[in-house]
PDB file of N, CA and C in Angstrom:
ATOM      1  N   MET A   1      97.395  97.060 119.540  1.00  0.00           N
ATOM      2  CA  MET A   1      98.054  97.573 118.425  1.00  0.00           C
ATOM      3  C   MET A   1      99.001  97.698 118.521  1.00  0.00           C
ATOM      4  N   THR A   2     100.090  96.966 117.514  1.00  0.00           N
ATOM      5  CA  THR A   2     101.761  97.077 117.307  1.00  0.00           C
ATOM      6  C   THR A   2     102.023  97.215 115.961  1.00  0.00           C
ATOM      7  N   VAL A   3     103.012  97.980 116.154  1.00  0.00           N
ATOM      8  CA  VAL A   3     103.719  98.275 114.583  1.00  0.00           C
ATOM      9  C   VAL A   3     105.290  97.868 115.074  1.00  0.00           C
ATOM     10  N   THR A   4     106.143  97.105 114.748  1.00  0.00           N
ATOM     11  CA  THR A   4     107.343  96.907 114.833  1.00  0.00           C
ATOM     12  C   THR A   4     108.504  97.031 113.455  1.00  0.00           C
ATOM     13  N   HIS A   5     109.656  97.734 113.988  1.00  0.00           N
ATOM     14  CA  HIS A   5     110.238  98.029 112.544  1.00  0.00           C
ATOM     15  C   HIS A   5     111.078  96.615 112.741  1.00  0.00           C
ATOM     16  N   LEU A   6     111.415  96.082 111.520  1.00  0.00           N
ATOM     17  CA  LEU A   6     112.128  95.079 111.366  1.00  0.00           C
ATOM     18  C   LEU A   6     113.663  95.173 111.318  1.00  0.00           C
ATOM     19  N   ALA A   7     113.839  96.549 111.224  1.00  0.00           N
ATOM     20  CA  ALA A   7     115.406  97.023 111.186  1.00  0.00           C
ATOM     21  C   ALA A   7     115.632  98.090 111.943  1.00  0.00           C
ATOM     22  N   SER A   8     116.421  98.894 112.351  1.00  0.00           N
ATOM     23  CA  SER A   8     116.591  99.973 113.189  1.00  0.00           C
ATOM     24  C   SER A   8     115.547 101.017 112.761  1.00  0.00           C
ATOM     25  N   VAL A   9     115.092 102.080 113.471  1.00  0.00           N
ATOM     26  CA  VAL A   9     114.493 103.087 113.242  1.00  0.00           C
ATOM     27  C   VAL A   9     115.496 103.918 112.313  1.00  0.00           C
ATOM     28  N   ILE A  10     116.705 104.071 112.708  1.00  0.00           N
ATOM     29  CA  ILE A  10     117.487 104.988 111.857  1.00  0.00           C
ATOM     30  C   ILE A  10     117.722 104.374 110.356  1.00  0.00           C
ATOM     31  N   HIS A  11     117.431 103.082 110.100  1.00  0.00           N
ATOM     32  CA  HIS A  11     117.726 102.464 108.866  1.00  0.00           C
ATOM     33  C   HIS A  11     116.303 102.916 107.706  1.00  0.00           C
ATOM     34  N   PHE A  12     115.341 103.153 108.744  1.00  0.00           N
ATOM     35  CA  PHE A  12     114.068 103.677 108.133  1.00  0.00           C
ATOM     36  C   PHE A  12     114.237 104.960 108.020  1.00  0.00           C
ATOM     37  N   GLU A  13     115.112 105.699 108.503  1.00  0.00           N
ATOM     38  CA  GLU A  13     114.947 107.355 108.528  1.00  0.00           C
ATOM     39  C   GLU A  13     115.973 107.395 107.104  1.00  0.00           C
ATOM     40  N   ILE A  14     116.799 106.359 107.167  1.00  0.00           N
ATOM     41  CA  ILE A  14     117.666 106.664 105.863  1.00  0.00           C
ATOM     42  C   ILE A  14     117.136 106.234 104.671  1.00  0.00           C
ATOM     43  N   ALA A  15     116.459 105.190 104.774  1.00  0.00           N
ATOM     44  CA  ALA A  15     115.475 104.804 103.546  1.00  0.00           C
ATOM     45  C   ALA A  15     114.510 105.659 102.789  1.00  0.00           C
ATOM     46  N   MET A  16     113.891 106.501 103.987  1.00  0.00           N
ATOM     47  CA  MET A  16     113.205 107.630 103.609  1.00  0.00           C
ATOM     48  C   MET A  16     113.818 108.815 102.911  1.00  0.00           C
ATOM     49  N   GLU A  17     115.078 109.007 103.140  1.00  0.00           N
ATOM     50  CA  GLU A  17     115.827 110.152 102.938  1.00  0.00           C
ATOM     51  C   GLU A  17     116.498 109.657 101.493  1.00  0.00           C
ATOM     52  N   LYS A  18     117.098 108.518 101.419  1.00  0.00           N
ATOM     53  CA  LYS A  18     117.881 108.270 100.210  1.00  0.00           C
ATOM     54  C   LYS A  18     117.251 107.086  99.582  1.00  0.00           C
ATOM     55  N   GLY A  19     116.421 106.247  99.685  1.00  0.00           N
ATOM     56  CA  GLY A  19     115.527 105.422  99.059  1.00  0.00           C
ATOM     57  C   GLY A  19     115.884 104.015  99.768  1.00  0.00           C
ATOM     58  N   GLY A  20     115.166 102.697  99.483  1.00  0.00           N
ATOM     59  CA  GLY A  20     115.594 101.633 100.007  1.00  0.00           C
ATOM     60  C   GLY A  20     114.414 101.003 100.234  1.00  0.00           C
ATOM     61  N   ILE A  21     114.630  99.735 100.773  1.00  0.00           N
ATOM     62  CA  ILE A  21     113.740  98.805 101.412  1.00  0.00           C
ATOM     63  C   ILE A  21     113.283  98.619 103.023  1.00  0.00           C
ATOM     64  N   HIS A  22     112.480  98.708 103.735  1.00  0.00           N
ATOM     65  CA  HIS A  22     112.145  98.704 105.013  1.00  0.00           C
ATOM     66  C   HIS A  22     111.196  97.877 105.366  1.00  0.00           C
ATOM     67  N   SER A  23     111.159  97.066 106.496  1.00  0.00           N
ATOM     68  CA  SER A  23     110.008  96.200 106.727  1.00  0.00           C
ATOM     69  C   SER A  23     109.507  96.162 107.906  1.00  0.00           C
ATOM     70  N   PHE A  24     108.117  96.021 108.021  1.00  0.00           N
ATOM     71  CA  PHE A  24     107.682  96.419 109.758  1.00  0.00           C
ATOM     72  C   PHE A  24     106.744  94.960 109.662  1.00  0.00           C
ATOM     73  N   GLU A  25     106.300  94.839 110.999  1.00  0.00           N
ATOM     74  CA  GLU A  25     105.276  93.754 111.421  1.00  0.00           C
ATOM     75  C   GLU A  25     104.215  94.444 111.670  1.00  0.00           C
ATOM     76  N   ILE A  26     103.232  94.175 111.580  1.00  0.00           N
ATOM     77  CA  ILE A  26     101.930  94.952 112.027  1.00  0.00           C
ATOM     78  C   ILE A  26     100.938  93.901 112.307  1.00  0.00           C
ATOM     79  N   THR A  27     100.324  94.389 113.476  1.00  0.00           N
ATOM     80  CA  THR A  27      99.013  93.518 113.805  1.00  0.00           C
ATOM     81  C   THR A  27      97.901  94.031 113.131  1.00  0.00           C
ATOM     82  N   ALA A  28      96.949  92.840 113.072  1.00  0.00           N
ATOM     83  CA  ALA A  28      95.465  93.317 112.325  1.00  0.00           C
ATOM     84  C   ALA A  28      94.859  94.403 112.512  1.00  0.00           C
ATOM     85  N   ASP A  29      94.824  94.830 114.101  1.00  0.00           N
ATOM     86  CA  ASP A  29      94.037  95.925 114.545  1.00  0.00           C
ATOM     87  C   ASP A  29      94.627  97.207 114.009  1.00  0.00           C
ATOM     88  N   GLU A  30      95.781  97.257 113.662  1.00  0.00           N
ATOM     89  CA  GLU A  30      96.428  98.259 113.009  1.00  0.00           C
ATOM     90  C   GLU A  30      95.669  98.671 111.523  1.00  0.00           C
ATOM     91  N   MET A  31      95.347  97.900 110.980  1.00  0.00           N
ATOM     92  CA  MET A  31      94.627  97.876 109.372  1.00  0.00           C
ATOM     93  C   MET A  31      93.742  97.138 109.426  1.00  0.00           C
ATOM     94  N   PRO A  32      92.406  97.009 109.797  1.00  0.00           N
ATOM     95  CA  PRO A  32      91.566  96.150 109.835  1.00  0.00           C
ATOM     96  C   PRO A  32      91.006  95.796 108.529  1.00  0.00           C
ATOM     97  N   GLU A  33      91.395  96.700 107.359  1.00  0.00           N
ATOM     98  CA  GLU A  33      90.630  96.123 106.131  1.00  0.00           C
ATOM     99  C   GLU A  33      91.730  94.876 105.785  1.00  0.00           C
ATOM    100  N   LEU A  34      92.818  94.548 106.444  1.00  0.00           N
ATOM    101  CA  LEU A  34      93.450  93.516 105.893  1.00  0.00           C
ATOM    102  C   LEU A  34      92.783  91.938 105.783  1.00  0.00           C
ATOM    103  N   LYS A  35      91.812  92.074 107.156  1.00  0.00           N
ATOM    104  CA  LYS A  35      91.138  90.609 107.213  1.00  0.00           C
ATOM    105  C   LYS A  35      90.290  90.559 106.191  1.00  0.00           C
ATOM    106  N   ALA A  36      89.623  91.237 105.288  1.00  0.00           N
ATOM    107  CA  ALA A  36      89.138  91.091 104.154  1.00  0.00           C
ATOM    108  C   ALA A  36      89.678  91.189 102.724  1.00  0.00           C
ATOM    109  N   LEU A  37      91.060  90.977 102.762  1.00  0.00           N
ATOM    110  CA  LEU A  37      91.728  90.881 101.416  1.00  0.00           C
ATOM    111  C   LEU A  37      92.329  89.668 101.111  1.00  0.00           C
ATOM    112  N   SER A  38      92.073  89.107  99.834  1.00  0.00           N
ATOM    113  CA  SER A  38      92.733  87.755  99.450  1.00  0.00           C
ATOM    114  C   SER A  38      94.122  87.734  99.121  1.00  0.00           C
ATOM    115  N   GLY A  39      94.668  86.787  99.051  1.00  0.00           N
ATOM    116  CA  GLY A  39      95.946  87.030  98.519  1.00  0.00           C
ATOM    117  C   GLY A  39      97.283  87.228  99.573  1.00  0.00           C
ATOM    118  N   LEU A  40      96.894  87.368 100.546  1.00  0.00           N
ATOM    119  CA  LEU A  40      97.687  87.977 101.552  1.00  0.00           C
ATOM    120  C   LEU A  40      98.733  86.581 102.062  1.00  0.00           C
ATOM    121  N   ASP A  41      98.743  85.516 101.762  1.00  0.00           N
ATOM    122  CA  ASP A  41      99.649  84.594 102.175  1.00  0.00           C
ATOM    123  C   ASP A  41     101.084  84.430 101.059  1.00  0.00           C
ATOM    124  N   ASN A  42     100.694  85.408  99.817  1.00  0.00           N
ATOM    125  CA  ASN A  42     101.720  85.151  98.760  1.00  0.00           C
ATOM    126  C   ASN A  42     102.241  86.870  98.946  1.00  0.00           C
ATOM    127  N   GLY A  43     101.463  87.675  99.553  1.00  0.00           N
ATOM    128  CA  GLY A  43     101.689  89.021  99.280  1.00  0.00           C
ATOM    129  C   GLY A  43     101.115  90.056  98.413  1.00  0.00           C
ATOM    130  N   VAL A  44     100.582  90.737  98.836  1.00  0.00           N
ATOM    131  CA  VAL A  44      99.738  91.683  98.010  1.00  0.00           C
ATOM    132  C   VAL A  44     100.072  93.468  98.085  1.00  0.00           C
ATOM    133  N   GLU A  45     100.432  93.996  97.052  1.00  0.00           N
ATOM    134  CA  GLU A  45     100.375  95.474  97.449  1.00  0.00           C
ATOM    135  C   GLU A  45      99.129  96.343  97.567  1.00  0.00           C
ATOM    136  N   VAL A  46      98.969  96.654  98.307  1.00  0.00           N
ATOM    137  CA  VAL A  46      97.872  97.743  98.875  1.00  0.00           C
ATOM    138  C   VAL A  46      98.290  99.241  98.639  1.00  0.00           C
ATOM    139  N   PRO A  47      97.802  99.739  97.775  1.00  0.00           N
ATOM    140  CA  PRO A  47      98.215 101.258  97.434  1.00  0.00           C
ATOM    141  C   PRO A  47      97.157 102.087  98.823  1.00  0.00           C
ATOM    142  N   TYR A  48      98.078 103.090  99.049  1.00  0.00           N
ATOM    143  CA  TYR A  48      97.517 103.878  99.743  1.00  0.00           C
ATOM    144  C   TYR A  48      96.016 104.726  99.768  1.00  0.00           C
ATOM    145  N   THR A  49      95.506 104.591 100.410  1.00  0.00           N
ATOM    146  CA  THR A  49      93.858 105.193 100.656  1.00  0.00           C
ATOM    147  C   THR A  49      93.833 105.934 102.207  1.00  0.00           C
ATOM    148  N   PRO A  50      93.445 107.219 102.097  1.00  0.00           N
ATOM    149  CA  PRO A  50      93.458 107.803 103.391  1.00  0.00           C
ATOM    150  C   PRO A  50      92.026 107.045 104.402  1.00  0.00           C
ATOM    151  N   SER A  51      92.646 106.641 105.605  1.00  0.00           N
ATOM    152  CA  SER A  51      91.600 105.845 106.392  1.00  0.00           C
ATOM    153  C   SER A  51      91.076 106.721 107.319  1.00  0.00           C
ATOM    154  N   SER A  52      89.908 106.679 107.829  1.00  0.00           N
ATOM    155  CA  SER A  52      89.429 107.263 109.729  1.00  0.00           C
ATOM    156  C   SER A  52      89.929 106.248 110.402  1.00  0.00           C
ATOM    157  N   HIS A  53      90.322 105.461 110.403  1.00  0.00           N
ATOM    158  CA  HIS A  53      91.166 104.652 111.452  1.00  0.00           C
ATOM    159  C   HIS A  53      92.422 105.400 111.994  1.00  0.00           C
ATOM    160  N   ARG A  54      92.155 105.568 113.255  1.00  0.00           N
ATOM    161  CA  ARG A  54      93.685 106.202 113.711  1.00  0.00           C
ATOM    162  C   ARG A  54      94.214 105.182 114.246  1.00  0.00           C
ATOM    163  N   SER A  55      95.449 105.120 114.018  1.00  0.00           N
ATOM    164  CA  SER A  55      96.538 103.893 114.487  1.00  0.00           C
ATOM    165  C   SER A  55      98.085 104.549 114.133  1.00  0.00           C
ATOM    166  N   VAL A  56      98.956 104.021 114.705  1.00  0.00           N
ATOM    167  CA  VAL A  56     100.388 104.122 114.478  1.00  0.00           C
ATOM    168  C   VAL A  56     100.707 103.963 113.086  1.00  0.00           C
ATOM    169  N   TRP A  57     100.123 102.613 112.363  1.00  0.00           N
ATOM    170  CA  TRP A  57     100.450 102.466 111.385  1.00  0.00           C
ATOM    171  C   TRP A  57      99.750 103.400 110.393  1.00  0.00           C
ATOM    172  N   GLU A  58      98.497 103.875 110.350  1.00  0.00           N
ATOM    173  CA  GLU A  58      97.968 104.977 109.613  1.00  0.00           C
ATOM    174  C   GLU A  58      98.892 105.839 109.732  1.00  0.00           C
ATOM    175  N   SER A  59      99.513 106.544 110.410  1.00  0.00           N
ATOM    176  CA  SER A  59     100.274 107.801 110.323  1.00  0.00           C
ATOM    177  C   SER A  59     101.561 107.463 109.680  1.00  0.00           C
ATOM    178  N   ILE A  60     102.135 106.215 109.880  1.00  0.00           N
ATOM    179  CA  ILE A  60     103.340 105.727 108.981  1.00  0.00           C
ATOM    180  C   ILE A  60     102.971 105.599 107.675  1.00  0.00           C
ATOM    181  N   ARG A  61     101.854 105.044 107.198  1.00  0.00           N
ATOM    182  CA  ARG A  61     101.373 104.802 105.810  1.00  0.00           C
ATOM    183  C   ARG A  61     101.064 106.315 105.308  1.00  0.00           C
ATOM    184  N   ARG A  62     100.662 107.236 105.858  1.00  0.00           N
ATOM    185  CA  ARG A  62     100.685 108.728 105.318  1.00  0.00           C
ATOM    186  C   ARG A  62     101.971 109.063 104.909  1.00  0.00           C
ATOM    187  N   ARG A  63     103.032 109.022 105.891  1.00  0.00           N
ATOM    188  CA  ARG A  63     104.220 109.613 105.552  1.00  0.00           C
ATOM    189  C   ARG A  63     104.960 108.992 104.393  1.00  0.00           C
ATOM    190  N   LEU A  64     104.735 107.435 104.568  1.00  0.00           N
ATOM    191  CA  LEU A  64     105.103 106.588 103.042  1.00  0.00           C
ATOM    192  C   LEU A  64     104.724 107.047 101.964  1.00  0.00           C
ATOM    193  N   ALA A  65     103.292 107.255 102.039  1.00  0.00           N
ATOM    194  CA  ALA A  65     102.841 107.716 100.905  1.00  0.00           C
ATOM    195  C   ALA A  65     102.943 109.180 100.157  1.00  0.00           C
ATOM    196  N   SER A  66     103.543 110.045 101.010  1.00  0.00           N
ATOM    197  CA  SER A  66     103.726 111.286 100.676  1.00  0.00           C
ATOM    198  C   SER A  66     105.297 110.973  99.968  1.00  0.00           C
ATOM    199  N   ARG A  67     105.900 109.777 100.025  1.00  0.00           N
ATOM    200  CA  ARG A  67     107.198 109.794  99.327  1.00  0.00           C
ATOM    201  C   ARG A  67     107.078 108.836  98.040  1.00  0.00           C
ATOM    202  N   GLY A  68     105.680 108.230  97.676  1.00  0.00           N
ATOM    203  CA  GLY A  68     105.281 107.187  96.561  1.00  0.00           C
ATOM    204  C   GLY A  68     105.866 105.943  96.746  1.00  0.00           C
ATOM    205  N   VAL A  69     105.785 105.484  98.224  1.00  0.00           N
ATOM    206  CA  VAL A  69     106.347 104.307  98.492  1.00  0.00           C
ATOM    207  C   VAL A  69     105.445 103.051  98.291  1.00  0.00           C
ATOM    208  N   ARG A  70     105.731 102.163  97.861  1.00  0.00           N
ATOM    209  CA  ARG A  70     104.850 100.851  97.571  1.00  0.00           C
ATOM    210  C   ARG A  70     105.298  99.767  98.628  1.00  0.00           C
ATOM    211  N   CYS A  71     104.028  99.588  99.149  1.00  0.00           N
ATOM    212  CA  CYS A  71     103.882  98.302 100.451  1.00  0.00           C
ATOM    213  C   CYS A  71     103.278  97.242 100.127  1.00  0.00           C
ATOM    214  N   VAL A  72     104.154  96.190 100.314  1.00  0.00           N
ATOM    215  CA  VAL A  72     103.572  94.719 100.005  1.00  0.00           C
ATOM    216  C   VAL A  72     103.235  94.143 101.605  1.00  0.00           C
ATOM    217  N   TYR A  73     101.939  93.649 101.650  1.00  0.00           N
ATOM    218  CA  TYR A  73     101.531  92.987 102.859  1.00  0.00           C
ATOM    219  C   TYR A  73     101.571  91.373 102.479  1.00  0.00           C
ATOM    220  N   LYS A  74     102.068  90.628 103.276  1.00  0.00           N
ATOM    221  CA  LYS A  74     102.034  89.406 103.860  1.00  0.00           C
ATOM    222  C   LYS A  74     101.608  88.742 105.067  1.00  0.00           C
ATOM    223  N   ARG A  75     100.855  87.853 105.283  1.00  0.00           N
ATOM    224  CA  ARG A  75     100.535  87.381 106.395  1.00  0.00           C
ATOM    225  C   ARG A  75     101.408  86.427 107.052  1.00  0.00           C
ATOM    226  N   LYS A  76     101.931  86.575 108.142  1.00  0.00           N
ATOM    227  CA  LYS A  76     102.539  85.719 108.695  1.00  0.00           C
ATOM    228  C   LYS A  76     102.341  84.617 109.534  1.00  0.00           C
ATOM    229  N   GLU A  77     101.150  85.136 110.431  1.00  0.00           N
ATOM    230  CA  GLU A  77     100.530  84.256 110.939  1.00  0.00           C
ATOM    231  C   GLU A  77      99.003  85.023 111.218  1.00  0.00           C
ATOM    232  N   PRO A  78      97.888  84.409 111.652  1.00  0.00           N
ATOM    233  CA  PRO A  78      96.676  84.884 111.791  1.00  0.00           C
ATOM    234  C   PRO A  78      96.889  86.003 112.706  1.00  0.00           C
ATOM    235  N   GLY A  79      96.467  87.373 111.884  1.00  0.00           N
ATOM    236  CA  GLY A  79      96.236  88.529 112.575  1.00  0.00           C
ATOM    237  C   GLY A  79      97.950  89.258 112.554  1.00  0.00           C
ATOM    238  N   ILE A  80      98.754  88.759 112.061  1.00  0.00           N
ATOM    239  CA  ILE A  80     100.077  89.394 112.165  1.00  0.00           C
ATOM    240  C   ILE A  80     100.503  89.464 110.528  1.00  0.00           C
ATOM    241  N   TYR A  81     101.071  90.688 110.113  1.00  0.00           N
ATOM    242  CA  TYR A  81     101.570  90.758 108.742  1.00  0.00           C
ATOM    243  C   TYR A  81     102.735  91.640 108.905  1.00  0.00           C
ATOM    244  N   VAL A  82     103.872  91.005 107.779  1.00  0.00           N
ATOM    245  CA  VAL A  82     104.742  91.693 107.482  1.00  0.00           C
ATOM    246  C   VAL A  82     104.513  92.698 106.338  1.00  0.00           C
ATOM    247  N   VAL A  83     104.876  93.848 106.397  1.00  0.00           N
ATOM    248  CA  VAL A  83     104.821  94.728 105.253  1.00  0.00           C
ATOM    249  C   VAL A  83     106.358  95.287 104.827  1.00  0.00           C
ATOM    250  N   THR A  84     106.462  95.151 103.764  1.00  0.00           N
ATOM    251  CA  THR A  84     107.609  95.318 103.122  1.00  0.00           C
ATOM    252  C   THR A  84     107.657  96.628 102.019  1.00  0.00           C
ATOM    253  N   CYS A  85     107.917  97.481 102.531  1.00  0.00           N
ATOM    254  CA  CYS A  85     108.058  98.939 101.896  1.00  0.00           C
ATOM    255  C   CYS A  85     109.376  99.511 100.827  1.00  0.00           C
ATOM    256  N   THR A  86     108.741  99.624  99.450  1.00  0.00           N
ATOM    257  CA  THR A  86     110.123  99.913  98.827  1.00  0.00           C
ATOM    258  C   THR A  86     110.165 101.374  98.494  1.00  0.00           C
ATOM    259  N   ILE A  87     110.972 101.892  99.197  1.00  0.00           N
ATOM    260  CA  ILE A  87     111.118 103.442  99.024  1.00  0.00           C
ATOM    261  C   ILE A  87     111.968 104.230  97.858  1.00  0.00           C
ATOM    262  N   PRO A  88     111.394 104.618  96.907  1.00  0.00           N
ATOM    263  CA  PRO A  88     112.258 105.229  95.783  1.00  0.00           C
ATOM    264  C   PRO A  88     113.036 106.292  96.115  1.00  0.00           C
ATOM    265  N   SER A  89     114.466 106.172  95.671  1.00  0.00           N
ATOM    266  CA  SER A  89     115.242 107.455  95.891  1.00  0.00           C
ATOM    267  C   SER A  89     114.640 108.716  95.205  1.00  0.00           C
ATOM    268  N   PRO A  90     115.182 109.779  95.851  1.00  0.00           N
ATOM    269  CA  PRO A  90     114.777 111.172  95.227  1.00  0.00           C
ATOM    270  C   PRO A  90     114.459 111.120  93.716  1.00  0.00           C
ATOM    271  N   GLU A  91     115.996 110.598  93.187  1.00  0.00           N
ATOM    272  CA  GLU A  91     116.076 110.540  91.536  1.00  0.00           C
ATOM    273  C   GLU A  91     114.914 109.622  91.145  1.00  0.00           C
ATOM    274  N   ASP A  92     114.602 108.698  91.523  1.00  0.00           N
ATOM    275  CA  ASP A  92     113.616 107.737  91.039  1.00  0.00           C
ATOM    276  C   ASP A  92     112.284 108.306  91.036  1.00  0.00           C
ATOM    277  N   ALA A  93     111.796 108.634  92.302  1.00  0.00           N
ATOM    278  CA  ALA A  93     110.564 109.340  92.460  1.00  0.00           C
ATOM    279  C   ALA A  93     110.212 110.547  91.582  1.00  0.00           C
ATOM    280  N   ALA A  94     111.418 110.965  91.154  1.00  0.00           N
ATOM    281  CA  ALA A  94     111.104 112.628  90.180  1.00  0.00           C
ATOM    282  C   ALA A  94     110.757 111.766  88.769  1.00  0.00           C
ATOM    283  N   SER A  95     111.174 110.848  88.172  1.00  0.00           N
ATOM    284  CA  SER A  95     111.079 110.006  87.052  1.00  0.00           C
ATOM    285  C   SER A  95     110.270 108.757  86.728  1.00  0.00           C
ATOM    286  N   PRO A  96     108.848 108.673  87.144  1.00  0.00           N
ATOM    287  CA  PRO A  96     108.149 107.737  87.223  1.00  0.00           C
ATOM    288  C   PRO A  96     107.822 106.724  85.499  1.00  0.00           C
ATOM    289  N   THR A  97     107.570 105.723  85.403  1.00  0.00           N
ATOM    290  CA  THR A  97     107.641 105.075  84.076  1.00  0.00           C
ATOM    291  C   THR A  97     106.440 103.973  84.738  1.00  0.00           C
ATOM    292  N   LEU A  98     105.679 103.491  83.361  1.00  0.00           N
ATOM    293  CA  LEU A  98     104.725 102.545  83.663  1.00  0.00           C
ATOM    294  C   LEU A  98     105.492 100.940  83.229  1.00  0.00           C
ATOM    295  N   ILE A  99     105.424 100.269  84.327  1.00  0.00           N
ATOM    296  CA  ILE A  99     106.010  98.849  84.263  1.00  0.00           C
ATOM    297  C   ILE A  99     105.140  97.813  84.831  1.00  0.00           C
ATOM    298  N   GLU A 100     105.374  96.733  84.829  1.00  0.00           N
ATOM    299  CA  GLU A 100     104.426  95.631  85.709  1.00  0.00           C
ATOM    300  C   GLU A 100     105.377  94.979  86.460  1.00  0.00           C
ATOM    301  N   ASP A 101     104.898  94.617  87.540  1.00  0.00           N
ATOM    302  CA  ASP A 101     106.124  93.556  88.714  1.00  0.00           C
ATOM    303  C   ASP A 101     105.222  92.649  88.878  1.00  0.00           C
ATOM    304  N   SER A 102     105.882  91.596  90.034  1.00  0.00           N
ATOM    305  CA  SER A 102     104.995  90.347  90.002  1.00  0.00           C
ATOM    306  C   SER A 102     104.265  90.353  91.615  1.00  0.00           C
ATOM    307  N   HIS A 103     104.086  91.470  92.281  1.00  0.00           N
ATOM    308  CA  HIS A 103     103.405  91.214  93.114  1.00  0.00           C
ATOM    309  C   HIS A 103     101.635  91.822  92.847  1.00  0.00           C
ATOM    310  N   PRO A 104     100.725  91.316  92.973  1.00  0.00           N
ATOM    311  CA  PRO A 104      99.250  91.586  92.870  1.00  0.00           C
ATOM    312  C   PRO A 104      99.252  93.026  93.339  1.00  0.00           C
ATOM    313  N   ARG A 105      98.394  93.606  93.117  1.00  0.00           N
ATOM    314  CA  ARG A 105      97.947  94.844  93.963  1.00  0.00           C
ATOM    315  C   ARG A 105      96.131  95.090  93.562  1.00  0.00           C
ATOM    316  N   ILE A 106      96.105  95.385  94.961  1.00  0.00           N
ATOM    317  CA  ILE A 106      94.481  95.582  95.291  1.00  0.00           C
ATOM    318  C   ILE A 106      94.402  97.145  95.118  1.00  0.00           C
ATOM    319  N   SER A 107      93.180  97.184  94.516  1.00  0.00           N
ATOM    320  CA  SER A 107      92.887  99.014  94.530  1.00  0.00           C
ATOM    321  C   SER A 107      91.509  98.903  95.480  1.00  0.00           C
ATOM    322  N   SER A 108      91.342 100.079  95.815  1.00  0.00           N
ATOM    323  CA  SER A 108      90.023 100.249  96.374  1.00  0.00           C
ATOM    324  C   SER A 108      88.943  99.818  96.124  1.00  0.00           C
ATOM    325  N   GLY A 109      88.458  99.062  97.364  1.00  0.00           N
ATOM    326  CA  GLY A 109      87.178  98.491  97.008  1.00  0.00           C
ATOM    327  C   GLY A 109      87.252  96.921  96.304  1.00  0.00           C
ATOM    328  N   GLN A 110      88.552  96.827  95.664  1.00  0.00           N
ATOM    329  CA  GLN A 110      88.709  95.476  94.942  1.00  0.00           C
ATOM    330  C   GLN A 110      88.990  94.269  96.150  1.00  0.00           C
ATOM    331  N   ARG A 111      88.947  93.277  95.878  1.00  0.00           N
ATOM    332  CA  ARG A 111      88.990  91.953  96.490  1.00  0.00           C
ATOM    333  C   ARG A 111      89.683  90.913  95.977  1.00  0.00           C
ATOM    334  N   SER A 112      90.141  91.175  94.738  1.00  0.00           N
ATOM    335  CA  SER A 112      90.691  89.675  94.127  1.00  0.00           C
ATOM    336  C   SER A 112      92.163  90.308  94.019  1.00  0.00           C
ATOM    337  N   ASN A 113      93.424  89.409  93.722  1.00  0.00           N
ATOM    338  CA  ASN A 113      94.693  89.561  93.575  1.00  0.00           C
ATOM    339  C   ASN A 113      95.280  89.688  92.304  1.00  0.00           C
ATOM    340  N   SER A 114      94.413  89.822  91.307  1.00  0.00           N
ATOM    341  CA  SER A 114      95.166  90.032  90.038  1.00  0.00           C
ATOM    342  C   SER A 114      96.007  91.397  89.834  1.00  0.00           C
ATOM    343  N   SER A 115      97.079  91.098  88.977  1.00  0.00           N
ATOM    344  CA  SER A 115      97.798  91.936  88.697  1.00  0.00           C
ATOM    345  C   SER A 115      97.566  92.980  87.843  1.00  0.00           C
ATOM    346  N   HIS A 116      98.129  94.371  88.281  1.00  0.00           N
ATOM    347  CA  HIS A 116      98.023  95.706  87.430  1.00  0.00           C
ATOM    348  C   HIS A 116      99.093  96.433  87.100  1.00  0.00           C
ATOM    349  N   PRO A 117      99.172  96.917  85.743  1.00  0.00           N
ATOM    350  CA  PRO A 117     100.166  97.971  85.850  1.00  0.00           C
ATOM    351  C   PRO A 117      99.934  99.249  86.738  1.00  0.00           C
ATOM    352  N   ARG A 118     101.113  99.798  86.591  1.00  0.00           N
ATOM    353  CA  ARG A 118     101.073 101.056  87.495  1.00  0.00           C
ATOM    354  C   ARG A 118     102.411 101.905  87.440  1.00  0.00           C
ATOM    355  N   LEU A 119     102.243 103.147  87.881  1.00  0.00           N
ATOM    356  CA  LEU A 119     103.397 104.057  88.032  1.00  0.00           C
ATOM    357  C   LEU A 119     104.182 103.897  89.188  1.00  0.00           C
ATOM    358  N   ARG A 120     105.363 103.675  88.908  1.00  0.00           N
ATOM    359  CA  ARG A 120     106.473 103.320  89.675  1.00  0.00           C
ATOM    360  C   ARG A 120     107.684 103.666  89.150  1.00  0.00           C
ATOM    361  N   SER A 121     108.683 103.494  90.288  1.00  0.00           N
ATOM    362  CA  SER A 121     110.138 104.338  89.730  1.00  0.00           C
ATOM    363  C   SER A 121     110.721 103.296  88.489  1.00  0.00           C
ATOM    364  N   SER A 122     111.609 103.857  87.987  1.00  0.00           N
ATOM    365  CA  SER A 122     112.342 103.297  86.703  1.00  0.00           C
ATOM    366  C   SER A 122     113.304 102.441  87.353  1.00  0.00           C
ATOM    367  N   ILE A 123     113.739 102.535  88.629  1.00  0.00           N
ATOM    368  CA  ILE A 123     114.978 101.246  88.893  1.00  0.00           C
ATOM    369  C   ILE A 123     114.132 100.693  90.069  1.00  0.00           C
ATOM    370  N   GLN A 124     114.003  99.273  89.709  1.00  0.00           N
ATOM    371  CA  GLN A 124     113.583  98.232  90.664  1.00  0.00           C
ATOM    372  C   GLN A 124     114.543  97.766  91.789  1.00  0.00           C
ATOM    373  N   ARG A 125     114.148  97.610  92.907  1.00  0.00           N
ATOM    374  CA  ARG A 125     115.055  97.527  94.041  1.00  0.00           C
ATOM    375  C   ARG A 125     114.655  95.863  94.207  1.00  0.00           C
TER     376      ARG A 125
END
């Protein structure tokens, strides 16, 4: 089980406070449901749903979800994924708008990689 910040932990804390982008590298055992998803070679947004799987990544995901973060998962190599998280600034999080973007989104139980509109901040990073 491995979760690695691809920038400093201080960068992560600043992004959590002010908004920004932060990336992680995780192994498949941190989030077993990734093994069943399609589209990971191109990157797929996976919305947070609480999991009974206890891992370091699950606790980080829970914290990210509390801030309305979007996480795009992309397979780096078999069993290893890069997760790029877009963290809205406090101002952006307060005023969501409905827009589309280029990353497919997988909803709970869905296995395709089709695009779906969703709520997200009005300022894209």
